[in-house]
N, C-alpha and C. Protein backbone atom coordinates (compact mmCIF):
# COMPACT_ATOMS: atom_id res chain seq x y z
N MET A 1 -79.62 210.95 94.46
CA MET A 1 -78.91 212.15 94.07
C MET A 1 -77.74 212.43 95.01
N LEU A 2 -77.98 212.30 96.32
CA LEU A 2 -76.93 212.53 97.30
C LEU A 2 -75.80 211.53 97.11
N ARG A 3 -76.14 210.34 96.70
CA ARG A 3 -75.17 209.28 96.47
C ARG A 3 -74.16 209.69 95.39
N TYR A 4 -74.57 210.51 94.43
CA TYR A 4 -73.68 210.95 93.37
C TYR A 4 -72.92 212.23 93.75
N LEU A 5 -73.52 213.03 94.62
CA LEU A 5 -72.86 214.28 95.03
C LEU A 5 -71.83 214.08 96.13
N LEU A 6 -72.03 213.07 96.97
CA LEU A 6 -71.13 212.84 98.09
C LEU A 6 -69.67 212.64 97.65
N PRO A 7 -69.38 211.80 96.66
CA PRO A 7 -67.98 211.67 96.22
C PRO A 7 -67.41 212.98 95.67
N LEU A 8 -68.25 213.75 95.01
CA LEU A 8 -67.80 215.04 94.48
C LEU A 8 -67.48 216.01 95.61
N ILE A 9 -68.29 216.02 96.65
CA ILE A 9 -68.04 216.89 97.80
C ILE A 9 -66.75 216.47 98.51
N ILE A 10 -66.58 215.18 98.72
CA ILE A 10 -65.36 214.67 99.36
C ILE A 10 -64.14 215.03 98.53
N PHE A 11 -64.22 214.87 97.23
CA PHE A 11 -63.11 215.23 96.35
C PHE A 11 -62.79 216.72 96.46
N GLY A 12 -63.82 217.56 96.52
CA GLY A 12 -63.62 219.00 96.64
C GLY A 12 -62.92 219.38 97.94
N VAL A 13 -63.34 218.77 99.05
CA VAL A 13 -62.72 219.05 100.35
C VAL A 13 -61.26 218.59 100.35
N LEU A 14 -61.01 217.41 99.86
CA LEU A 14 -59.63 216.91 99.78
C LEU A 14 -58.76 217.78 98.89
N SER A 15 -59.32 218.28 97.80
CA SER A 15 -58.58 219.16 96.90
C SER A 15 -58.18 220.46 97.59
N ILE A 16 -59.08 221.00 98.40
CA ILE A 16 -58.79 222.23 99.13
C ILE A 16 -57.63 222.00 100.11
N PHE A 17 -57.68 220.88 100.87
CA PHE A 17 -56.60 220.57 101.81
C PHE A 17 -55.28 220.36 101.07
N LEU A 18 -55.31 219.69 99.94
CA LEU A 18 -54.09 219.47 99.15
C LEU A 18 -53.52 220.80 98.66
N TYR A 19 -54.38 221.68 98.17
CA TYR A 19 -53.94 222.98 97.69
C TYR A 19 -53.29 223.79 98.81
N ILE A 20 -53.87 223.79 99.97
CA ILE A 20 -53.30 224.50 101.13
C ILE A 20 -51.97 223.88 101.53
N GLY A 21 -51.90 222.57 101.56
CA GLY A 21 -50.69 221.86 101.95
C GLY A 21 -49.52 222.09 101.01
N LEU A 22 -49.79 222.26 99.74
CA LEU A 22 -48.71 222.49 98.78
C LEU A 22 -48.01 223.83 99.01
N GLY A 23 -48.68 224.76 99.65
CA GLY A 23 -48.08 226.06 99.92
C GLY A 23 -47.28 226.12 101.21
N LEU A 24 -47.28 225.05 101.99
CA LEU A 24 -46.57 225.04 103.26
C LEU A 24 -45.15 224.52 103.10
N ASN A 25 -44.26 224.98 103.97
CA ASN A 25 -42.88 224.49 103.99
C ASN A 25 -42.82 223.35 105.00
N PRO A 26 -42.60 222.12 104.56
CA PRO A 26 -42.62 220.98 105.48
C PRO A 26 -41.48 221.00 106.49
N ARG A 27 -40.40 221.73 106.21
CA ARG A 27 -39.28 221.81 107.15
C ARG A 27 -39.48 222.89 108.20
N ASP A 28 -40.38 223.83 107.94
CA ASP A 28 -40.58 224.93 108.87
C ASP A 28 -41.60 224.53 109.92
N ILE A 29 -41.08 224.11 111.08
CA ILE A 29 -41.97 223.69 112.15
C ILE A 29 -42.03 224.74 113.26
N GLY A 30 -41.52 225.93 112.95
CA GLY A 30 -41.56 227.02 113.93
C GLY A 30 -40.52 226.84 115.01
N SER A 31 -40.59 227.67 116.01
CA SER A 31 -39.65 227.59 117.10
C SER A 31 -40.29 228.10 118.38
N THR A 32 -40.06 227.41 119.45
CA THR A 32 -40.53 227.88 120.76
C THR A 32 -39.57 228.91 121.33
N ARG A 33 -38.46 229.16 120.67
CA ARG A 33 -37.43 230.09 121.15
C ARG A 33 -37.67 231.53 120.71
N ILE A 34 -38.52 231.77 119.74
CA ILE A 34 -38.71 233.12 119.23
C ILE A 34 -39.21 234.03 120.36
N ASP A 35 -38.57 235.20 120.47
CA ASP A 35 -38.88 236.22 121.47
C ASP A 35 -38.59 235.77 122.90
N LYS A 36 -37.71 234.80 123.04
CA LYS A 36 -37.27 234.34 124.36
C LYS A 36 -35.74 234.41 124.41
N PRO A 37 -35.18 234.48 125.62
CA PRO A 37 -33.72 234.53 125.73
C PRO A 37 -33.06 233.28 125.14
N ALA A 38 -31.90 233.50 124.54
CA ALA A 38 -31.12 232.36 124.04
C ALA A 38 -30.80 231.45 125.21
N PRO A 39 -30.84 230.15 125.00
CA PRO A 39 -30.54 229.23 126.11
C PRO A 39 -29.13 229.43 126.64
N ASP A 40 -28.97 229.25 127.94
CA ASP A 40 -27.64 229.28 128.53
C ASP A 40 -26.85 228.08 128.03
N PHE A 41 -25.60 228.34 127.67
CA PHE A 41 -24.72 227.23 127.29
C PHE A 41 -23.28 227.64 127.50
N GLU A 42 -22.45 226.65 127.65
CA GLU A 42 -21.00 226.83 127.70
C GLU A 42 -20.39 225.60 127.06
N LEU A 43 -19.81 225.81 125.89
CA LEU A 43 -19.21 224.71 125.14
C LEU A 43 -17.77 225.05 124.78
N SER A 44 -16.97 224.03 124.61
CA SER A 44 -15.60 224.26 124.16
C SER A 44 -15.63 224.73 122.70
N GLN A 45 -14.61 225.50 122.34
CA GLN A 45 -14.51 225.97 120.97
C GLN A 45 -13.99 224.85 120.07
N LEU A 46 -14.41 224.88 118.83
CA LEU A 46 -14.02 223.84 117.88
C LEU A 46 -12.51 223.75 117.75
N ASN A 47 -11.84 224.86 117.52
CA ASN A 47 -10.41 224.83 117.23
C ASN A 47 -9.53 225.03 118.44
N ASN A 48 -10.13 225.21 119.61
CA ASN A 48 -9.35 225.37 120.83
C ASN A 48 -10.18 224.84 122.00
N ALA A 49 -10.02 223.57 122.31
CA ALA A 49 -10.83 222.90 123.33
C ALA A 49 -10.61 223.49 124.72
N ASP A 50 -9.52 224.26 124.91
CA ASP A 50 -9.26 224.87 126.21
C ASP A 50 -10.07 226.14 126.43
N LYS A 51 -10.62 226.70 125.37
CA LYS A 51 -11.44 227.91 125.47
C LYS A 51 -12.91 227.53 125.27
N THR A 52 -13.78 228.37 125.83
CA THR A 52 -15.21 228.09 125.71
C THR A 52 -15.93 229.24 125.01
N LEU A 53 -17.12 228.92 124.55
CA LEU A 53 -18.05 229.91 124.02
C LEU A 53 -19.33 229.76 124.83
N THR A 54 -19.86 230.90 125.27
CA THR A 54 -21.10 230.88 126.03
C THR A 54 -22.13 231.76 125.33
N ASN A 55 -23.37 231.66 125.77
CA ASN A 55 -24.43 232.49 125.21
C ASN A 55 -24.16 233.97 125.49
N LYS A 56 -23.35 234.28 126.46
CA LYS A 56 -23.05 235.68 126.79
C LYS A 56 -22.27 236.37 125.66
N ALA A 57 -21.59 235.60 124.83
CA ALA A 57 -20.87 236.18 123.69
C ALA A 57 -21.84 236.75 122.66
N LEU A 58 -23.10 236.33 122.71
CA LEU A 58 -24.10 236.78 121.74
C LEU A 58 -24.78 238.07 122.19
N ILE A 59 -24.48 238.54 123.39
CA ILE A 59 -25.14 239.73 123.94
C ILE A 59 -24.32 240.98 123.58
N GLY A 60 -25.03 242.06 123.27
CA GLY A 60 -24.38 243.34 123.00
C GLY A 60 -24.31 243.69 121.53
N LYS A 61 -24.63 242.75 120.70
CA LYS A 61 -24.63 242.98 119.25
C LYS A 61 -25.66 242.04 118.63
N VAL A 62 -26.14 242.40 117.46
CA VAL A 62 -27.04 241.50 116.74
C VAL A 62 -26.16 240.48 116.03
N SER A 63 -26.45 239.21 116.24
CA SER A 63 -25.60 238.18 115.64
C SER A 63 -26.44 237.02 115.13
N LEU A 64 -25.78 236.19 114.35
CA LEU A 64 -26.39 234.97 113.83
C LEU A 64 -25.72 233.77 114.48
N LEU A 65 -26.50 232.75 114.75
CA LEU A 65 -25.98 231.47 115.21
C LEU A 65 -26.37 230.45 114.17
N ASN A 66 -25.36 229.89 113.50
CA ASN A 66 -25.59 228.91 112.45
C ASN A 66 -25.23 227.52 112.96
N VAL A 67 -26.21 226.62 112.95
CA VAL A 67 -26.00 225.24 113.39
C VAL A 67 -25.64 224.43 112.15
N TRP A 68 -24.48 223.75 112.19
CA TRP A 68 -24.00 223.04 111.02
C TRP A 68 -23.21 221.80 111.42
N SER A 69 -22.94 220.96 110.44
CA SER A 69 -22.14 219.74 110.62
C SER A 69 -21.37 219.45 109.35
N SER A 70 -20.26 218.77 109.50
CA SER A 70 -19.45 218.42 108.33
C SER A 70 -20.16 217.42 107.44
N TRP A 71 -21.00 216.58 108.01
CA TRP A 71 -21.69 215.54 107.26
C TRP A 71 -22.95 216.05 106.57
N CYS A 72 -23.28 217.31 106.76
CA CYS A 72 -24.52 217.90 106.23
C CYS A 72 -24.28 218.48 104.84
N ALA A 73 -24.85 217.83 103.83
CA ALA A 73 -24.67 218.30 102.45
C ALA A 73 -25.30 219.67 102.24
N THR A 74 -26.44 219.92 102.83
CA THR A 74 -27.11 221.22 102.68
C THR A 74 -26.28 222.34 103.28
N CYS A 75 -25.56 222.02 104.36
CA CYS A 75 -24.68 223.03 104.98
C CYS A 75 -23.62 223.49 103.99
N ARG A 76 -23.14 222.57 103.17
CA ARG A 76 -22.13 222.93 102.17
C ARG A 76 -22.71 223.87 101.12
N TYR A 77 -23.98 223.65 100.75
CA TYR A 77 -24.62 224.51 99.75
C TYR A 77 -24.77 225.94 100.25
N GLU A 78 -25.07 226.12 101.53
CA GLU A 78 -25.28 227.46 102.05
C GLU A 78 -23.98 228.15 102.46
N HIS A 79 -22.88 227.43 102.44
CA HIS A 79 -21.61 227.96 102.94
C HIS A 79 -21.14 229.20 102.18
N ARG A 80 -21.29 229.21 100.89
CA ARG A 80 -20.86 230.37 100.09
C ARG A 80 -21.63 231.62 100.53
N LEU A 81 -22.92 231.48 100.80
CA LEU A 81 -23.72 232.61 101.27
C LEU A 81 -23.26 233.06 102.66
N LEU A 82 -22.93 232.12 103.53
CA LEU A 82 -22.42 232.48 104.85
C LEU A 82 -21.11 233.25 104.74
N MET A 83 -20.25 232.85 103.83
CA MET A 83 -19.00 233.58 103.62
C MET A 83 -19.29 235.02 103.18
N TYR A 84 -20.25 235.18 102.28
CA TYR A 84 -20.63 236.51 101.82
C TYR A 84 -21.18 237.35 102.97
N ILE A 85 -22.07 236.77 103.77
CA ILE A 85 -22.67 237.48 104.90
C ILE A 85 -21.59 237.93 105.88
N ALA A 86 -20.65 237.06 106.17
CA ALA A 86 -19.56 237.41 107.09
C ALA A 86 -18.69 238.53 106.51
N GLN A 87 -18.42 238.48 105.21
CA GLN A 87 -17.62 239.52 104.56
C GLN A 87 -18.32 240.88 104.60
N GLN A 88 -19.64 240.88 104.70
CA GLN A 88 -20.41 242.12 104.78
C GLN A 88 -20.43 242.70 106.20
N GLY A 89 -19.79 242.02 107.13
CA GLY A 89 -19.68 242.54 108.50
C GLY A 89 -20.71 242.04 109.48
N TYR A 90 -21.43 240.99 109.13
CA TYR A 90 -22.43 240.43 110.05
C TYR A 90 -21.78 239.28 110.83
N PRO A 91 -21.73 239.37 112.16
CA PRO A 91 -21.08 238.32 112.95
C PRO A 91 -21.89 237.02 112.96
N ILE A 92 -21.23 235.94 112.59
CA ILE A 92 -21.86 234.62 112.57
C ILE A 92 -21.10 233.73 113.55
N TYR A 93 -21.81 233.15 114.47
CA TYR A 93 -21.25 232.17 115.39
C TYR A 93 -21.72 230.81 114.93
N GLY A 94 -20.85 229.83 115.03
CA GLY A 94 -21.21 228.49 114.61
C GLY A 94 -21.47 227.58 115.79
N LEU A 95 -22.38 226.65 115.59
CA LEU A 95 -22.63 225.59 116.56
C LEU A 95 -22.46 224.28 115.79
N VAL A 96 -21.32 223.63 116.01
CA VAL A 96 -21.03 222.37 115.32
C VAL A 96 -21.82 221.28 116.04
N TYR A 97 -22.76 220.69 115.31
CA TYR A 97 -23.78 219.84 115.89
C TYR A 97 -23.54 218.36 115.56
N LYS A 98 -23.36 217.55 116.60
CA LYS A 98 -23.23 216.09 116.47
C LYS A 98 -22.19 215.72 115.42
N ASP A 99 -20.98 216.13 115.65
CA ASP A 99 -19.91 215.96 114.68
C ASP A 99 -18.62 215.63 115.42
N THR A 100 -17.53 215.52 114.68
CA THR A 100 -16.21 215.35 115.30
C THR A 100 -15.40 216.62 115.03
N ARG A 101 -14.48 216.90 115.92
CA ARG A 101 -13.63 218.08 115.76
C ARG A 101 -12.82 218.00 114.46
N ALA A 102 -12.27 216.84 114.21
CA ALA A 102 -11.41 216.68 113.03
C ALA A 102 -12.19 216.93 111.74
N ALA A 103 -13.36 216.34 111.62
CA ALA A 103 -14.14 216.49 110.39
C ALA A 103 -14.60 217.93 110.19
N ALA A 104 -15.09 218.56 111.26
CA ALA A 104 -15.57 219.95 111.15
C ALA A 104 -14.41 220.90 110.84
N SER A 105 -13.27 220.71 111.49
CA SER A 105 -12.11 221.56 111.22
C SER A 105 -11.63 221.40 109.79
N GLN A 106 -11.67 220.18 109.29
CA GLN A 106 -11.25 219.91 107.91
C GLN A 106 -12.14 220.64 106.90
N VAL A 107 -13.44 220.65 107.14
CA VAL A 107 -14.36 221.35 106.24
C VAL A 107 -14.01 222.84 106.19
N LEU A 108 -13.78 223.44 107.35
CA LEU A 108 -13.47 224.87 107.37
C LEU A 108 -12.15 225.17 106.69
N LYS A 109 -11.19 224.25 106.78
CA LYS A 109 -9.92 224.44 106.07
C LYS A 109 -10.13 224.39 104.56
N GLN A 110 -11.04 223.53 104.11
CA GLN A 110 -11.28 223.36 102.68
C GLN A 110 -12.08 224.50 102.06
N VAL A 111 -13.12 224.95 102.76
CA VAL A 111 -14.06 225.89 102.13
C VAL A 111 -14.06 227.29 102.73
N GLY A 112 -13.26 227.51 103.76
CA GLY A 112 -13.21 228.82 104.40
C GLY A 112 -14.04 228.85 105.67
N ASN A 113 -13.74 229.85 106.50
CA ASN A 113 -14.39 229.94 107.80
C ASN A 113 -15.10 231.28 107.96
N PRO A 114 -16.43 231.30 107.85
CA PRO A 114 -17.17 232.55 108.00
C PRO A 114 -17.49 232.90 109.46
N TYR A 115 -17.11 232.03 110.39
CA TYR A 115 -17.55 232.15 111.78
C TYR A 115 -16.58 232.97 112.63
N VAL A 116 -17.14 233.77 113.53
CA VAL A 116 -16.34 234.45 114.54
C VAL A 116 -15.67 233.38 115.39
N VAL A 117 -16.46 232.41 115.83
CA VAL A 117 -15.98 231.26 116.59
C VAL A 117 -17.04 230.17 116.49
N ASN A 118 -16.60 228.93 116.64
CA ASN A 118 -17.51 227.79 116.62
C ASN A 118 -17.54 227.11 117.98
N ALA A 119 -18.73 226.85 118.48
CA ALA A 119 -18.90 226.04 119.68
C ALA A 119 -19.05 224.59 119.23
N PHE A 120 -18.50 223.67 120.00
CA PHE A 120 -18.51 222.26 119.63
C PHE A 120 -19.52 221.50 120.49
N ASP A 121 -20.62 221.09 119.86
CA ASP A 121 -21.73 220.41 120.54
C ASP A 121 -21.77 218.95 120.06
N GLN A 122 -20.81 218.17 120.52
CA GLN A 122 -20.65 216.81 120.03
C GLN A 122 -21.88 215.94 120.26
N ASP A 123 -22.48 216.03 121.43
CA ASP A 123 -23.62 215.15 121.73
C ASP A 123 -24.97 215.78 121.35
N GLY A 124 -24.99 217.04 120.94
CA GLY A 124 -26.21 217.68 120.48
C GLY A 124 -27.12 218.21 121.58
N LYS A 125 -26.68 218.18 122.83
CA LYS A 125 -27.55 218.62 123.93
C LYS A 125 -27.88 220.11 123.85
N VAL A 126 -26.90 220.93 123.54
CA VAL A 126 -27.15 222.36 123.43
C VAL A 126 -28.07 222.64 122.24
N GLY A 127 -27.82 221.96 121.14
CA GLY A 127 -28.70 222.10 119.98
C GLY A 127 -30.14 221.78 120.32
N MET A 128 -30.34 220.75 121.12
CA MET A 128 -31.69 220.39 121.53
C MET A 128 -32.32 221.50 122.37
N GLU A 129 -31.53 222.16 123.22
CA GLU A 129 -32.06 223.27 124.01
C GLU A 129 -32.48 224.44 123.13
N TRP A 130 -31.80 224.60 122.01
CA TRP A 130 -32.17 225.65 121.05
C TRP A 130 -33.38 225.23 120.21
N GLY A 131 -33.76 223.97 120.27
CA GLY A 131 -34.88 223.49 119.47
C GLY A 131 -34.47 223.03 118.09
N VAL A 132 -33.19 222.70 117.94
CA VAL A 132 -32.68 222.27 116.64
C VAL A 132 -33.28 220.90 116.28
N THR A 133 -33.78 220.81 115.06
CA THR A 133 -34.34 219.55 114.58
C THR A 133 -33.44 218.89 113.55
N GLY A 134 -32.45 219.61 113.07
CA GLY A 134 -31.51 219.09 112.07
C GLY A 134 -30.62 220.23 111.62
N THR A 135 -29.72 219.91 110.72
CA THR A 135 -28.83 220.94 110.19
C THR A 135 -29.13 221.17 108.72
N PRO A 136 -28.93 222.37 108.25
CA PRO A 136 -28.57 223.59 108.96
C PRO A 136 -29.81 224.30 109.51
N GLU A 137 -29.56 225.08 110.54
CA GLU A 137 -30.55 226.00 111.09
C GLU A 137 -29.79 227.27 111.50
N THR A 138 -30.44 228.41 111.34
CA THR A 138 -29.80 229.68 111.67
C THR A 138 -30.75 230.53 112.48
N PHE A 139 -30.21 231.11 113.54
CA PHE A 139 -30.98 231.97 114.43
C PHE A 139 -30.42 233.38 114.37
N ILE A 140 -31.31 234.37 114.55
CA ILE A 140 -30.88 235.76 114.73
C ILE A 140 -31.14 236.10 116.18
N ILE A 141 -30.10 236.62 116.84
CA ILE A 141 -30.18 236.98 118.25
C ILE A 141 -29.96 238.49 118.36
N ASP A 142 -30.84 239.18 119.09
CA ASP A 142 -30.71 240.63 119.22
C ASP A 142 -29.68 241.01 120.27
N LYS A 143 -29.51 242.31 120.50
CA LYS A 143 -28.49 242.83 121.41
C LYS A 143 -28.67 242.36 122.85
N GLN A 144 -29.90 242.09 123.23
CA GLN A 144 -30.18 241.64 124.59
C GLN A 144 -30.08 240.12 124.75
N GLY A 145 -29.74 239.42 123.67
CA GLY A 145 -29.64 237.96 123.74
C GLY A 145 -30.97 237.26 123.54
N ILE A 146 -31.92 237.93 122.91
CA ILE A 146 -33.24 237.35 122.64
C ILE A 146 -33.26 236.81 121.22
N VAL A 147 -33.77 235.60 121.06
CA VAL A 147 -33.89 234.98 119.73
C VAL A 147 -35.05 235.66 119.00
N ARG A 148 -34.77 236.19 117.83
CA ARG A 148 -35.79 236.92 117.07
C ARG A 148 -36.21 236.22 115.78
N TYR A 149 -35.44 235.23 115.34
CA TYR A 149 -35.75 234.61 114.05
C TYR A 149 -35.10 233.24 113.99
N LYS A 150 -35.74 232.32 113.30
CA LYS A 150 -35.15 231.01 113.06
C LYS A 150 -35.39 230.62 111.61
N CYS A 151 -34.33 230.21 110.96
CA CYS A 151 -34.39 229.69 109.60
C CYS A 151 -34.09 228.20 109.68
N THR A 152 -35.07 227.38 109.36
CA THR A 152 -34.87 225.94 109.33
C THR A 152 -34.51 225.55 107.90
N GLY A 153 -33.41 224.85 107.75
CA GLY A 153 -32.97 224.46 106.42
C GLY A 153 -31.99 225.46 105.84
N GLN A 154 -31.73 225.29 104.57
CA GLN A 154 -30.71 226.08 103.88
C GLN A 154 -31.08 227.55 103.76
N LEU A 155 -30.12 228.42 104.08
CA LEU A 155 -30.28 229.84 103.80
C LEU A 155 -30.24 230.04 102.30
N THR A 156 -31.06 230.92 101.80
CA THR A 156 -31.02 231.27 100.39
C THR A 156 -30.77 232.76 100.26
N THR A 157 -30.33 233.18 99.12
CA THR A 157 -30.09 234.60 98.88
C THR A 157 -31.39 235.37 99.04
N GLU A 158 -32.49 234.82 98.55
CA GLU A 158 -33.78 235.49 98.66
C GLU A 158 -34.19 235.66 100.12
N ARG A 159 -34.06 234.60 100.91
CA ARG A 159 -34.43 234.68 102.32
C ARG A 159 -33.53 235.69 103.05
N TRP A 160 -32.24 235.68 102.72
CA TRP A 160 -31.32 236.63 103.33
C TRP A 160 -31.73 238.06 103.01
N LYS A 161 -31.95 238.35 101.73
CA LYS A 161 -32.26 239.72 101.31
C LYS A 161 -33.64 240.19 101.76
N GLN A 162 -34.62 239.31 101.71
CA GLN A 162 -36.00 239.72 101.97
C GLN A 162 -36.41 239.65 103.44
N GLU A 163 -35.83 238.73 104.21
CA GLU A 163 -36.27 238.54 105.58
C GLU A 163 -35.18 238.86 106.61
N MET A 164 -34.04 238.20 106.47
CA MET A 164 -33.04 238.24 107.53
C MET A 164 -32.28 239.56 107.59
N LYS A 165 -31.74 240.00 106.49
CA LYS A 165 -30.95 241.24 106.50
C LYS A 165 -31.79 242.44 106.95
N PRO A 166 -33.03 242.62 106.44
CA PRO A 166 -33.84 243.73 106.95
C PRO A 166 -34.11 243.64 108.46
N LEU A 167 -34.34 242.43 108.96
CA LEU A 167 -34.56 242.27 110.40
C LEU A 167 -33.31 242.62 111.19
N ILE A 168 -32.15 242.17 110.72
CA ILE A 168 -30.90 242.49 111.41
C ILE A 168 -30.67 244.00 111.44
N GLU A 169 -30.90 244.67 110.31
CA GLU A 169 -30.70 246.12 110.26
C GLU A 169 -31.67 246.83 111.22
N LYS A 170 -32.90 246.36 111.28
CA LYS A 170 -33.88 246.94 112.21
C LYS A 170 -33.42 246.74 113.66
N LEU A 171 -32.96 245.53 113.97
CA LEU A 171 -32.51 245.24 115.33
C LEU A 171 -31.26 246.02 115.70
N ARG A 172 -30.38 246.25 114.73
CA ARG A 172 -29.17 247.03 114.99
C ARG A 172 -29.50 248.47 115.36
N LYS A 173 -30.56 249.01 114.80
CA LYS A 173 -30.94 250.40 115.05
C LYS A 173 -31.63 250.57 116.39
N GLN A 174 -32.17 249.51 116.96
CA GLN A 174 -32.86 249.61 118.22
C GLN A 174 -31.87 249.88 119.34
N GLN A 175 -32.29 250.67 120.31
CA GLN A 175 -31.47 250.98 121.46
C GLN A 175 -31.36 249.75 122.36
N THR A 176 -30.20 249.58 122.95
CA THR A 176 -29.99 248.50 123.92
C THR A 176 -30.63 248.93 125.23
N VAL A 177 -31.36 248.03 125.83
CA VAL A 177 -31.99 248.30 127.12
C VAL A 177 -30.88 248.36 128.17
N SER A 178 -30.76 249.52 128.86
CA SER A 178 -29.70 249.67 129.85
C SER A 178 -29.91 248.72 131.01
N GLY A 179 -28.83 248.26 131.54
CA GLY A 179 -28.89 247.33 132.67
C GLY A 179 -28.85 245.88 132.26
N LEU A 180 -29.13 245.59 130.99
CA LEU A 180 -29.08 244.20 130.54
C LEU A 180 -27.71 243.83 130.02
N ILE A 181 -26.93 244.83 129.70
CA ILE A 181 -25.62 244.54 129.13
C ILE A 181 -24.55 245.14 130.00
């Protein structure tokens, strides 16, 4: 009798694991940066190599850091939403990840530039410090420079409306801790 029930039990256990697995996002591997200060960095700007962008530019306001590349097809899909978000008054900083200046600049000329400024991370070292696993990825940084959210993969209108925008509005209403800024 056990000989006939054992395959059925194994099938049942495997079915449960499969059902649970289907509900998971395989791209969402979490982040060790959540609720921790944004990593220190100083990178040249994409369109002006003589100027730099540092993590200090992210302090004092709630902002987004979008990691993107010209060669990233998914980045192109989310670009229209980024343009909309920027037009609504939300500051977006770009981190051009493992790319060339010419290619990244060309993309922005073709499709528009939603970014306050872009940092140029040619070798990807700064991206690695942020825990970037690929492009696109977007972080929300609070007024104190603490990472509060990470979106791995393409931003969607639903994710923006349901998760990110409400969090940004909540963070904007919070008082800045004196002495940190």
